C-alpha cells in the first residue's frame, strides 16, 4: 500500500467493518517495519 491508496482503503474499511481502520491509523502503520498491507487494484 502507498500513501495514494489510504483514503480509498479507509473508505472500504468504513463500508465493510463495524470497527474500521481510520485513514490516520492506516497512515501510521504504513511506516511500520512490521506491517504489511496489500492492495488489489481493479
PDB file of N, CA and C in Angstrom:
ATOM      1  N   UNK A   1       0.855  -1.163   0.000  1.00  0.00           N
ATOM      2  CA  UNK A   1       0.000   0.000   0.000  1.00  0.00           C
ATOM      3  C   UNK A   1       0.900   1.225   0.000  1.00  0.00           C
ATOM      4  N   UNK A   2       0.458   2.238  -0.685  1.00  0.00           N
ATOM      5  CA  UNK A   2       1.166   3.510  -0.731  1.00  0.00           C
ATOM      6  C   UNK A   2       0.243   4.611  -0.203  1.00  0.00           C
ATOM      7  N   UNK A   3       0.826   5.749   0.102  1.00  0.00           N
ATOM      8  CA  UNK A   3       0.059   6.890   0.612  1.00  0.00           C
ATOM      9  C   UNK A   3      -1.147   7.186  -0.285  1.00  0.00           C
ATOM     10  N   UNK A   4      -0.989   7.034  -1.570  1.00  0.00           N
ATOM     11  CA  UNK A   4      -2.073   7.342  -2.512  1.00  0.00           C
ATOM     12  C   UNK A   4      -3.288   6.429  -2.361  1.00  0.00           C
ATOM     13  N   UNK A   5      -3.135   5.303  -1.683  1.00  0.00           N
ATOM     14  CA  UNK A   5      -4.230   4.347  -1.507  1.00  0.00           C
ATOM     15  C   UNK A   5      -5.007   4.550  -0.206  1.00  0.00           C
ATOM     16  N   UNK A   6      -4.473   5.318   0.703  1.00  0.00           N
ATOM     17  CA  UNK A   6      -5.018   5.379   2.067  1.00  0.00           C
ATOM     18  C   UNK A   6      -6.480   5.811   2.122  1.00  0.00           C
ATOM     19  N   UNK A   7      -6.853   6.858   1.445  1.00  0.00           N
ATOM     20  CA  UNK A   7      -8.246   7.324   1.536  1.00  0.00           C
ATOM     21  C   UNK A   7      -9.223   6.300   0.974  1.00  0.00           C
ATOM     22  N   UNK A   8      -8.869   5.654  -0.120  1.00  0.00           N
ATOM     23  CA  UNK A   8      -9.747   4.632  -0.699  1.00  0.00           C
ATOM     24  C   UNK A   8      -9.840   3.420   0.214  1.00  0.00           C
ATOM     25  N   UNK A   9      -8.730   3.013   0.799  1.00  0.00           N
ATOM     26  CA  UNK A   9      -8.741   1.867   1.711  1.00  0.00           C
ATOM     27  C   UNK A   9      -9.567   2.204   2.953  1.00  0.00           C
ATOM     28  N   UNK A  10      -9.424   3.409   3.476  1.00  0.00           N
ATOM     29  CA  UNK A  10     -10.212   3.821   4.643  1.00  0.00           C
ATOM     30  C   UNK A  10     -11.704   3.822   4.311  1.00  0.00           C
ATOM     31  N   UNK A  11     -12.061   4.211   3.095  1.00  0.00           N
ATOM     32  CA  UNK A  11     -13.469   4.195   2.675  1.00  0.00           C
ATOM     33  C   UNK A  11     -14.004   2.764   2.642  1.00  0.00           C
ATOM     34  N   UNK A  12     -13.231   1.838   2.097  1.00  0.00           N
ATOM     35  CA  UNK A  12     -13.638   0.426   2.080  1.00  0.00           C
ATOM     36  C   UNK A  12     -13.767  -0.089   3.508  1.00  0.00           C
ATOM     37  N   UNK A  13     -12.829   0.275   4.371  1.00  0.00           N
ATOM     38  CA  UNK A  13     -12.894  -0.131   5.777  1.00  0.00           C
ATOM     39  C   UNK A  13     -14.216   0.317   6.409  1.00  0.00           C
ATOM     40  N   UNK A  14     -14.599   1.575   6.196  1.00  0.00           N
ATOM     41  CA  UNK A  14     -15.843   2.100   6.784  1.00  0.00           C
ATOM     42  C   UNK A  14     -17.064   1.361   6.262  1.00  0.00           C
ATOM     43  N   UNK A  15     -17.045   0.991   4.995  1.00  0.00           N
ATOM     44  CA  UNK A  15     -18.188   0.313   4.389  1.00  0.00           C
ATOM     45  C   UNK A  15     -18.299  -1.153   4.797  1.00  0.00           C
ATOM     46  N   UNK A  16     -17.187  -1.759   5.182  1.00  0.00           N
ATOM     47  CA  UNK A  16     -17.170  -3.209   5.407  1.00  0.00           C
ATOM     48  C   UNK A  16     -17.070  -3.654   6.860  1.00  0.00           C
ATOM     49  N   UNK A  17     -16.606  -2.790   7.749  1.00  0.00           N
ATOM     50  CA  UNK A  17     -16.318  -3.236   9.107  1.00  0.00           C
ATOM     51  C   UNK A  17     -16.965  -2.345  10.159  1.00  0.00           C
ATOM     52  N   UNK A  18     -17.406  -2.963  11.248  1.00  0.00           N
ATOM     53  CA  UNK A  18     -18.003  -2.215  12.354  1.00  0.00           C
ATOM     54  C   UNK A  18     -16.961  -1.367  13.080  1.00  0.00           C
ATOM     55  N   UNK A  19     -15.722  -1.841  13.134  1.00  0.00           N
ATOM     56  CA  UNK A  19     -14.616  -1.103  13.761  1.00  0.00           C
ATOM     57  C   UNK A  19     -13.501  -0.929  12.728  1.00  0.00           C
ATOM     58  N   UNK A  20     -13.692  -0.007  11.797  1.00  0.00           N
ATOM     59  CA  UNK A  20     -12.742   0.120  10.687  1.00  0.00           C
ATOM     60  C   UNK A  20     -11.452   0.827  11.080  1.00  0.00           C
ATOM     61  N   UNK A  21     -10.403   0.538  10.316  1.00  0.00           N
ATOM     62  CA  UNK A  21      -9.174   1.321  10.422  1.00  0.00           C
ATOM     63  C   UNK A  21      -9.496   2.724   9.921  1.00  0.00           C
ATOM     64  N   UNK A  22      -8.937   3.735  10.567  1.00  0.00           N
ATOM     65  CA  UNK A  22      -9.083   5.108  10.097  1.00  0.00           C
ATOM     66  C   UNK A  22      -7.937   5.424   9.137  1.00  0.00           C
ATOM     67  N   UNK A  23      -8.092   6.501   8.388  1.00  0.00           N
ATOM     68  CA  UNK A  23      -7.013   6.927   7.492  1.00  0.00           C
ATOM     69  C   UNK A  23      -5.746   7.209   8.295  1.00  0.00           C
ATOM     70  N   UNK A  24      -5.895   7.840   9.460  1.00  0.00           N
ATOM     71  CA  UNK A  24      -4.718   8.122  10.293  1.00  0.00           C
ATOM     72  C   UNK A  24      -4.074   6.841  10.803  1.00  0.00           C
ATOM     73  N   UNK A  25      -4.893   5.864  11.178  1.00  0.00           N
ATOM     74  CA  UNK A  25      -4.360   4.582  11.638  1.00  0.00           C
ATOM     75  C   UNK A  25      -3.625   3.851  10.536  1.00  0.00           C
ATOM     76  N   UNK A  26      -4.187   3.861   9.343  1.00  0.00           N
ATOM     77  CA  UNK A  26      -3.526   3.235   8.195  1.00  0.00           C
ATOM     78  C   UNK A  26      -2.213   3.939   7.889  1.00  0.00           C
ATOM     79  N   UNK A  27      -2.236   5.261   7.939  1.00  0.00           N
ATOM     80  CA  UNK A  27      -1.036   6.048   7.651  1.00  0.00           C
ATOM     81  C   UNK A  27       0.067   5.740   8.664  1.00  0.00           C
ATOM     82  N   UNK A  28      -0.297   5.593   9.928  1.00  0.00           N
ATOM     83  CA  UNK A  28       0.691   5.277  10.960  1.00  0.00           C
ATOM     84  C   UNK A  28       1.312   3.906  10.727  1.00  0.00           C
ATOM     85  N   UNK A  29       0.508   2.950  10.318  1.00  0.00           N
ATOM     86  CA  UNK A  29       1.024   1.601  10.063  1.00  0.00           C
ATOM     87  C   UNK A  29       1.849   1.527   8.783  1.00  0.00           C
ATOM     88  N   UNK A  30       1.612   2.437   7.874  1.00  0.00           N
ATOM     89  CA  UNK A  30       2.321   2.441   6.597  1.00  0.00           C
ATOM     90  C   UNK A  30       3.833   2.549   6.793  1.00  0.00           C
ATOM     91  N   UNK A  31       4.259   3.218   7.844  1.00  0.00           N
ATOM     92  CA  UNK A  31       5.695   3.395   8.096  1.00  0.00           C
ATOM     93  C   UNK A  31       6.255   2.350   9.061  1.00  0.00           C
ATOM     94  N   UNK A  32       5.412   1.446   9.533  1.00  0.00           N
ATOM     95  CA  UNK A  32       5.849   0.403  10.463  1.00  0.00           C
ATOM     96  C   UNK A  32       6.709  -0.635   9.749  1.00  0.00           C
ATOM     97  N   UNK A  33       7.767  -1.059  10.426  1.00  0.00           N
ATOM     98  CA  UNK A  33       8.640  -2.104   9.878  1.00  0.00           C
ATOM     99  C   UNK A  33       8.007  -3.487   9.950  1.00  0.00           C
ATOM    100  N   UNK A  34       6.959  -3.639  10.751  1.00  0.00           N
ATOM    101  CA  UNK A  34       6.365  -4.963  10.945  1.00  0.00           C
ATOM    102  C   UNK A  34       5.011  -5.137  10.257  1.00  0.00           C
ATOM    103  N   UNK A  35       4.494  -4.095   9.642  1.00  0.00           N
ATOM    104  CA  UNK A  35       3.184  -4.171   8.986  1.00  0.00           C
ATOM    105  C   UNK A  35       3.346  -4.417   7.490  1.00  0.00           C
ATOM    106  N   UNK A  36       2.432  -5.221   6.962  1.00  0.00           N
ATOM    107  CA  UNK A  36       2.403  -5.480   5.522  1.00  0.00           C
ATOM    108  C   UNK A  36       0.966  -5.287   5.050  1.00  0.00           C
ATOM    109  N   UNK A  37       0.761  -4.430   4.087  1.00  0.00           N
ATOM    110  CA  UNK A  37      -0.557  -4.197   3.511  1.00  0.00           C
ATOM    111  C   UNK A  37      -0.503  -4.510   2.027  1.00  0.00           C
ATOM    112  N   UNK A  38      -1.494  -5.206   1.545  1.00  0.00           N
ATOM    113  CA  UNK A  38      -1.612  -5.493   0.119  1.00  0.00           C
ATOM    114  C   UNK A  38      -2.878  -4.824  -0.394  1.00  0.00           C
ATOM    115  N   UNK A  39      -2.795  -4.199  -1.540  1.00  0.00           N
ATOM    116  CA  UNK A  39      -3.929  -3.515  -2.140  1.00  0.00           C
ATOM    117  C   UNK A  39      -4.191  -4.130  -3.504  1.00  0.00           C
ATOM    118  N   UNK A  40      -5.438  -4.504  -3.746  1.00  0.00           N
ATOM    119  CA  UNK A  40      -5.831  -5.018  -5.060  1.00  0.00           C
ATOM    120  C   UNK A  40      -6.465  -3.873  -5.842  1.00  0.00           C
ATOM    121  N   UNK A  41      -5.960  -3.618  -7.018  1.00  0.00           N
ATOM    122  CA  UNK A  41      -6.496  -2.550  -7.860  1.00  0.00           C
ATOM    123  C   UNK A  41      -7.343  -3.156  -8.959  1.00  0.00           C
ATOM    124  N   UNK A  42      -8.534  -2.600  -9.142  1.00  0.00           N
ATOM    125  CA  UNK A  42      -9.432  -3.075 -10.195  1.00  0.00           C
ATOM    126  C   UNK A  42      -9.512  -2.064 -11.308  1.00  0.00           C
TER     127      UNK A  42
END
